[in-house]
Amino acid sequence: MVAYVIFTREKTRNPAQLEVYKEKVPAAFAGHAVTFRARHCRFEVPEGPAAEDVLMLEFPSFEAAKEWYAGPAYQDASSHRFQGADYRCIIVEGLEQPA
């Protein structure tokens, strides 16, 4: 079953650190089956805290999503994301599709 990693950026604190993250993060996708489902596109927050940006990635399984997130390449890149902004990250399993 597919899984999604959803990021919401809630508040930018250090744009320079986000630039370092943006430079490093592409290498973290190497060797991972990932599809971008939403990236820096139009969105609206009708409920809950405001967000500055949204990103949604699709992985072939929940385990694959967790493996990517916990991997050394992404953890290295994300250290700059943590310094650059306040984010929320959610890993969610998708619904099983009928055959």
N, C-alpha and C. Protein backbone atom coordinates (compact mmCIF):
# COMPACT_ATOMS: atom_id res chain seq x y z
N MET A 1 0.83 -1.17 0.00
CA MET A 1 0.00 0.00 0.00
C MET A 1 0.89 1.25 0.00
N VAL A 2 0.54 2.24 -0.80
CA VAL A 2 1.35 3.45 -0.86
C VAL A 2 1.27 4.22 0.45
N ALA A 3 2.23 5.10 0.62
CA ALA A 3 2.25 5.99 1.78
C ALA A 3 2.66 7.37 1.31
N TYR A 4 2.26 8.36 2.08
CA TYR A 4 2.55 9.74 1.75
C TYR A 4 3.33 10.39 2.89
N VAL A 5 4.28 11.21 2.52
CA VAL A 5 4.98 12.06 3.48
C VAL A 5 4.50 13.47 3.17
N ILE A 6 3.91 14.11 4.16
CA ILE A 6 3.34 15.45 3.98
C ILE A 6 4.11 16.41 4.89
N PHE A 7 4.65 17.45 4.27
CA PHE A 7 5.35 18.49 5.01
C PHE A 7 4.54 19.77 4.92
N THR A 8 4.41 20.46 6.04
CA THR A 8 3.89 21.82 6.02
C THR A 8 4.92 22.71 6.70
N ARG A 9 5.28 23.77 6.01
CA ARG A 9 6.17 24.76 6.62
C ARG A 9 5.29 25.79 7.29
N GLU A 10 5.49 25.93 8.60
CA GLU A 10 4.63 26.82 9.37
C GLU A 10 5.23 28.22 9.55
N LYS A 11 6.57 28.29 9.69
CA LYS A 11 7.19 29.61 9.88
C LYS A 11 8.66 29.53 9.50
N THR A 12 9.08 30.41 8.60
CA THR A 12 10.49 30.50 8.23
C THR A 12 11.23 31.32 9.28
N ARG A 13 12.37 30.80 9.73
CA ARG A 13 13.19 31.49 10.71
C ARG A 13 14.56 31.89 10.17
N ASN A 14 15.12 31.08 9.26
CA ASN A 14 16.45 31.35 8.73
C ASN A 14 16.48 30.92 7.26
N PRO A 15 16.20 31.84 6.34
CA PRO A 15 16.15 31.50 4.91
C PRO A 15 17.46 30.92 4.38
N ALA A 16 18.60 31.34 4.91
CA ALA A 16 19.88 30.82 4.44
C ALA A 16 19.99 29.32 4.72
N GLN A 17 19.51 28.86 5.87
CA GLN A 17 19.54 27.43 6.18
C GLN A 17 18.58 26.65 5.27
N LEU A 18 17.46 27.25 4.91
CA LEU A 18 16.54 26.59 3.99
C LEU A 18 17.18 26.44 2.61
N GLU A 19 18.01 27.40 2.21
CA GLU A 19 18.72 27.29 0.93
C GLU A 19 19.70 26.13 0.95
N VAL A 20 20.39 25.93 2.07
CA VAL A 20 21.30 24.79 2.20
C VAL A 20 20.50 23.49 2.11
N TYR A 21 19.36 23.45 2.78
CA TYR A 21 18.47 22.27 2.72
C TYR A 21 18.08 21.99 1.27
N LYS A 22 17.66 23.02 0.54
CA LYS A 22 17.23 22.84 -0.85
C LYS A 22 18.36 22.31 -1.73
N GLU A 23 19.60 22.68 -1.41
CA GLU A 23 20.75 22.17 -2.16
C GLU A 23 21.03 20.71 -1.85
N LYS A 24 20.84 20.31 -0.60
CA LYS A 24 21.19 18.97 -0.16
C LYS A 24 20.11 17.92 -0.39
N VAL A 25 18.85 18.32 -0.34
CA VAL A 25 17.76 17.35 -0.32
C VAL A 25 17.63 16.53 -1.62
N PRO A 26 17.93 17.05 -2.80
CA PRO A 26 17.79 16.19 -4.00
C PRO A 26 18.60 14.89 -3.92
N ALA A 27 19.78 14.94 -3.35
CA ALA A 27 20.60 13.73 -3.21
C ALA A 27 19.95 12.69 -2.31
N ALA A 28 19.09 13.13 -1.40
CA ALA A 28 18.43 12.21 -0.48
C ALA A 28 17.40 11.33 -1.18
N PHE A 29 16.98 11.72 -2.38
CA PHE A 29 15.99 10.92 -3.11
C PHE A 29 16.62 9.81 -3.94
N ALA A 30 17.93 9.84 -4.11
CA ALA A 30 18.62 8.82 -4.92
C ALA A 30 18.36 7.44 -4.34
N GLY A 31 17.94 6.51 -5.20
CA GLY A 31 17.70 5.14 -4.77
C GLY A 31 16.35 4.92 -4.12
N HIS A 32 15.50 5.92 -4.08
CA HIS A 32 14.18 5.80 -3.47
C HIS A 32 13.11 6.02 -4.53
N ALA A 33 12.11 5.17 -4.52
CA ALA A 33 10.97 5.32 -5.43
C ALA A 33 10.02 6.34 -4.83
N VAL A 34 10.09 7.55 -5.31
CA VAL A 34 9.28 8.63 -4.76
C VAL A 34 8.63 9.40 -5.91
N THR A 35 7.39 9.80 -5.70
CA THR A 35 6.66 10.63 -6.66
C THR A 35 6.19 11.87 -5.94
N PHE A 36 6.48 13.02 -6.52
CA PHE A 36 5.99 14.28 -5.94
C PHE A 36 4.53 14.43 -6.33
N ARG A 37 3.66 14.53 -5.35
CA ARG A 37 2.22 14.71 -5.60
C ARG A 37 1.78 16.16 -5.44
N ALA A 38 2.48 16.92 -4.63
CA ALA A 38 2.24 18.36 -4.49
C ALA A 38 3.56 18.98 -4.05
N ARG A 39 3.90 20.11 -4.70
CA ARG A 39 5.18 20.75 -4.35
C ARG A 39 5.06 22.25 -4.61
N HIS A 40 5.07 23.02 -3.54
CA HIS A 40 5.07 24.48 -3.62
C HIS A 40 3.95 24.99 -4.54
N CYS A 41 2.78 24.43 -4.38
CA CYS A 41 1.66 24.81 -5.24
C CYS A 41 0.59 25.53 -4.42
N ARG A 42 -0.46 25.89 -5.08
CA ARG A 42 -1.56 26.60 -4.45
C ARG A 42 -2.22 25.72 -3.38
N PHE A 43 -2.51 26.30 -2.23
CA PHE A 43 -3.20 25.59 -1.16
C PHE A 43 -3.96 26.58 -0.31
N GLU A 44 -4.84 26.05 0.50
CA GLU A 44 -5.63 26.86 1.43
C GLU A 44 -5.74 26.09 2.74
N VAL A 45 -5.72 26.80 3.84
CA VAL A 45 -5.86 26.18 5.16
C VAL A 45 -7.19 26.64 5.75
N PRO A 46 -8.28 25.88 5.53
CA PRO A 46 -9.57 26.30 6.07
C PRO A 46 -9.72 26.06 7.57
N GLU A 47 -8.87 25.19 8.14
CA GLU A 47 -8.91 24.92 9.58
C GLU A 47 -7.50 24.74 10.08
N GLY A 48 -7.27 25.09 11.32
CA GLY A 48 -5.98 24.86 11.96
C GLY A 48 -5.00 25.99 11.71
N PRO A 49 -3.76 25.80 12.19
CA PRO A 49 -2.74 26.84 12.07
C PRO A 49 -2.38 27.12 10.61
N ALA A 50 -2.00 28.34 10.35
CA ALA A 50 -1.59 28.73 9.00
C ALA A 50 -0.33 27.98 8.58
N ALA A 51 -0.14 27.90 7.29
CA ALA A 51 1.06 27.27 6.72
C ALA A 51 1.60 28.18 5.63
N GLU A 52 2.93 28.15 5.46
CA GLU A 52 3.57 28.92 4.39
C GLU A 52 3.73 28.09 3.12
N ASP A 53 3.84 26.77 3.26
CA ASP A 53 4.08 25.92 2.10
C ASP A 53 3.68 24.49 2.44
N VAL A 54 3.41 23.70 1.39
CA VAL A 54 3.02 22.30 1.55
C VAL A 54 3.75 21.47 0.50
N LEU A 55 4.16 20.27 0.90
CA LEU A 55 4.81 19.32 0.01
C LEU A 55 4.25 17.94 0.32
N MET A 56 3.91 17.17 -0.70
CA MET A 56 3.41 15.81 -0.48
C MET A 56 4.15 14.86 -1.41
N LEU A 57 4.77 13.85 -0.81
CA LEU A 57 5.53 12.84 -1.53
C LEU A 57 4.81 11.50 -1.42
N GLU A 58 4.87 10.71 -2.48
CA GLU A 58 4.29 9.36 -2.44
C GLU A 58 5.41 8.33 -2.52
N PHE A 59 5.34 7.34 -1.64
CA PHE A 59 6.28 6.22 -1.61
C PHE A 59 5.50 4.93 -1.80
N PRO A 60 6.17 3.85 -2.24
CA PRO A 60 5.44 2.60 -2.49
C PRO A 60 4.87 1.94 -1.24
N SER A 61 5.40 2.28 -0.06
CA SER A 61 4.90 1.67 1.18
C SER A 61 5.22 2.59 2.36
N PHE A 62 4.56 2.31 3.47
CA PHE A 62 4.82 3.04 4.71
C PHE A 62 6.27 2.84 5.14
N GLU A 63 6.74 1.61 5.01
CA GLU A 63 8.11 1.29 5.40
C GLU A 63 9.12 2.04 4.52
N ALA A 64 8.83 2.13 3.22
CA ALA A 64 9.73 2.85 2.31
C ALA A 64 9.80 4.33 2.67
N ALA A 65 8.66 4.91 3.05
CA ALA A 65 8.63 6.31 3.44
C ALA A 65 9.46 6.53 4.71
N LYS A 66 9.29 5.65 5.69
CA LYS A 66 10.05 5.77 6.93
C LYS A 66 11.54 5.56 6.70
N GLU A 67 11.87 4.62 5.81
CA GLU A 67 13.28 4.36 5.49
C GLU A 67 13.93 5.60 4.87
N TRP A 68 13.21 6.23 3.93
CA TRP A 68 13.74 7.45 3.32
C TRP A 68 13.95 8.54 4.37
N TYR A 69 12.92 8.78 5.19
CA TYR A 69 13.00 9.85 6.18
C TYR A 69 14.15 9.62 7.16
N ALA A 70 14.33 8.39 7.60
CA ALA A 70 15.35 8.08 8.60
C ALA A 70 16.75 7.90 8.01
N GLY A 71 16.84 7.85 6.69
CA GLY A 71 18.12 7.61 6.02
C GLY A 71 19.13 8.72 6.28
N PRO A 72 20.42 8.39 6.23
CA PRO A 72 21.45 9.37 6.54
C PRO A 72 21.45 10.58 5.60
N ALA A 73 21.15 10.39 4.32
CA ALA A 73 21.17 11.52 3.38
C ALA A 73 20.06 12.52 3.72
N TYR A 74 18.86 12.01 4.03
CA TYR A 74 17.79 12.95 4.37
C TYR A 74 18.01 13.56 5.74
N GLN A 75 18.50 12.80 6.69
CA GLN A 75 18.74 13.35 8.01
C GLN A 75 19.79 14.46 7.97
N ASP A 76 20.80 14.30 7.11
CA ASP A 76 21.80 15.35 6.95
C ASP A 76 21.15 16.62 6.39
N ALA A 77 20.35 16.47 5.35
CA ALA A 77 19.67 17.63 4.76
C ALA A 77 18.69 18.25 5.76
N SER A 78 17.94 17.41 6.45
CA SER A 78 16.89 17.94 7.34
C SER A 78 17.45 18.72 8.52
N SER A 79 18.70 18.49 8.88
CA SER A 79 19.28 19.28 9.97
C SER A 79 19.25 20.77 9.62
N HIS A 80 19.37 21.09 8.34
CA HIS A 80 19.30 22.49 7.90
C HIS A 80 17.85 22.97 7.84
N ARG A 81 16.95 22.06 7.51
CA ARG A 81 15.51 22.41 7.51
C ARG A 81 15.08 22.78 8.92
N PHE A 82 15.53 22.01 9.91
CA PHE A 82 15.17 22.29 11.30
C PHE A 82 15.68 23.67 11.74
N GLN A 83 16.85 24.06 11.24
CA GLN A 83 17.40 25.37 11.60
C GLN A 83 16.72 26.50 10.82
N GLY A 84 16.16 26.16 9.67
CA GLY A 84 15.60 27.19 8.80
C GLY A 84 14.16 27.55 9.04
N ALA A 85 13.37 26.59 9.56
CA ALA A 85 11.95 26.86 9.68
C ALA A 85 11.29 25.86 10.62
N ASP A 86 10.07 26.20 11.00
CA ASP A 86 9.24 25.29 11.78
C ASP A 86 8.38 24.50 10.79
N TYR A 87 8.49 23.20 10.82
CA TYR A 87 7.76 22.32 9.91
C TYR A 87 6.94 21.31 10.70
N ARG A 88 5.98 20.76 10.04
CA ARG A 88 5.27 19.58 10.52
C ARG A 88 5.45 18.53 9.44
N CYS A 89 5.77 17.31 9.84
CA CYS A 89 5.92 16.20 8.89
C CYS A 89 5.03 15.06 9.37
N ILE A 90 4.25 14.52 8.43
CA ILE A 90 3.34 13.41 8.74
C ILE A 90 3.58 12.32 7.70
N ILE A 91 3.72 11.10 8.16
CA ILE A 91 3.78 9.94 7.26
C ILE A 91 2.46 9.20 7.43
N VAL A 92 1.75 9.01 6.33
CA VAL A 92 0.42 8.41 6.40
C VAL A 92 0.29 7.33 5.32
N GLU A 93 -0.29 6.21 5.71
CA GLU A 93 -0.53 5.13 4.77
C GLU A 93 -1.77 5.44 3.95
N GLY A 94 -1.68 5.21 2.65
CA GLY A 94 -2.81 5.45 1.75
C GLY A 94 -3.83 4.32 1.83
N LEU A 95 -4.96 4.55 1.21
CA LEU A 95 -6.01 3.54 1.17
C LEU A 95 -5.67 2.47 0.15
N GLU A 96 -6.08 1.26 0.44
CA GLU A 96 -5.89 0.17 -0.50
C GLU A 96 -6.84 0.38 -1.68
N GLN A 97 -6.28 0.28 -2.88
CA GLN A 97 -7.07 0.48 -4.08
C GLN A 97 -7.68 -0.83 -4.53
N PRO A 98 -8.95 -0.84 -4.95
CA PRO A 98 -9.55 -2.08 -5.44
C PRO A 98 -8.85 -2.55 -6.71
N ALA A 99 -8.79 -3.84 -6.87
CA ALA A 99 -8.10 -4.43 -8.03
C ALA A 99 -8.90 -4.24 -9.30
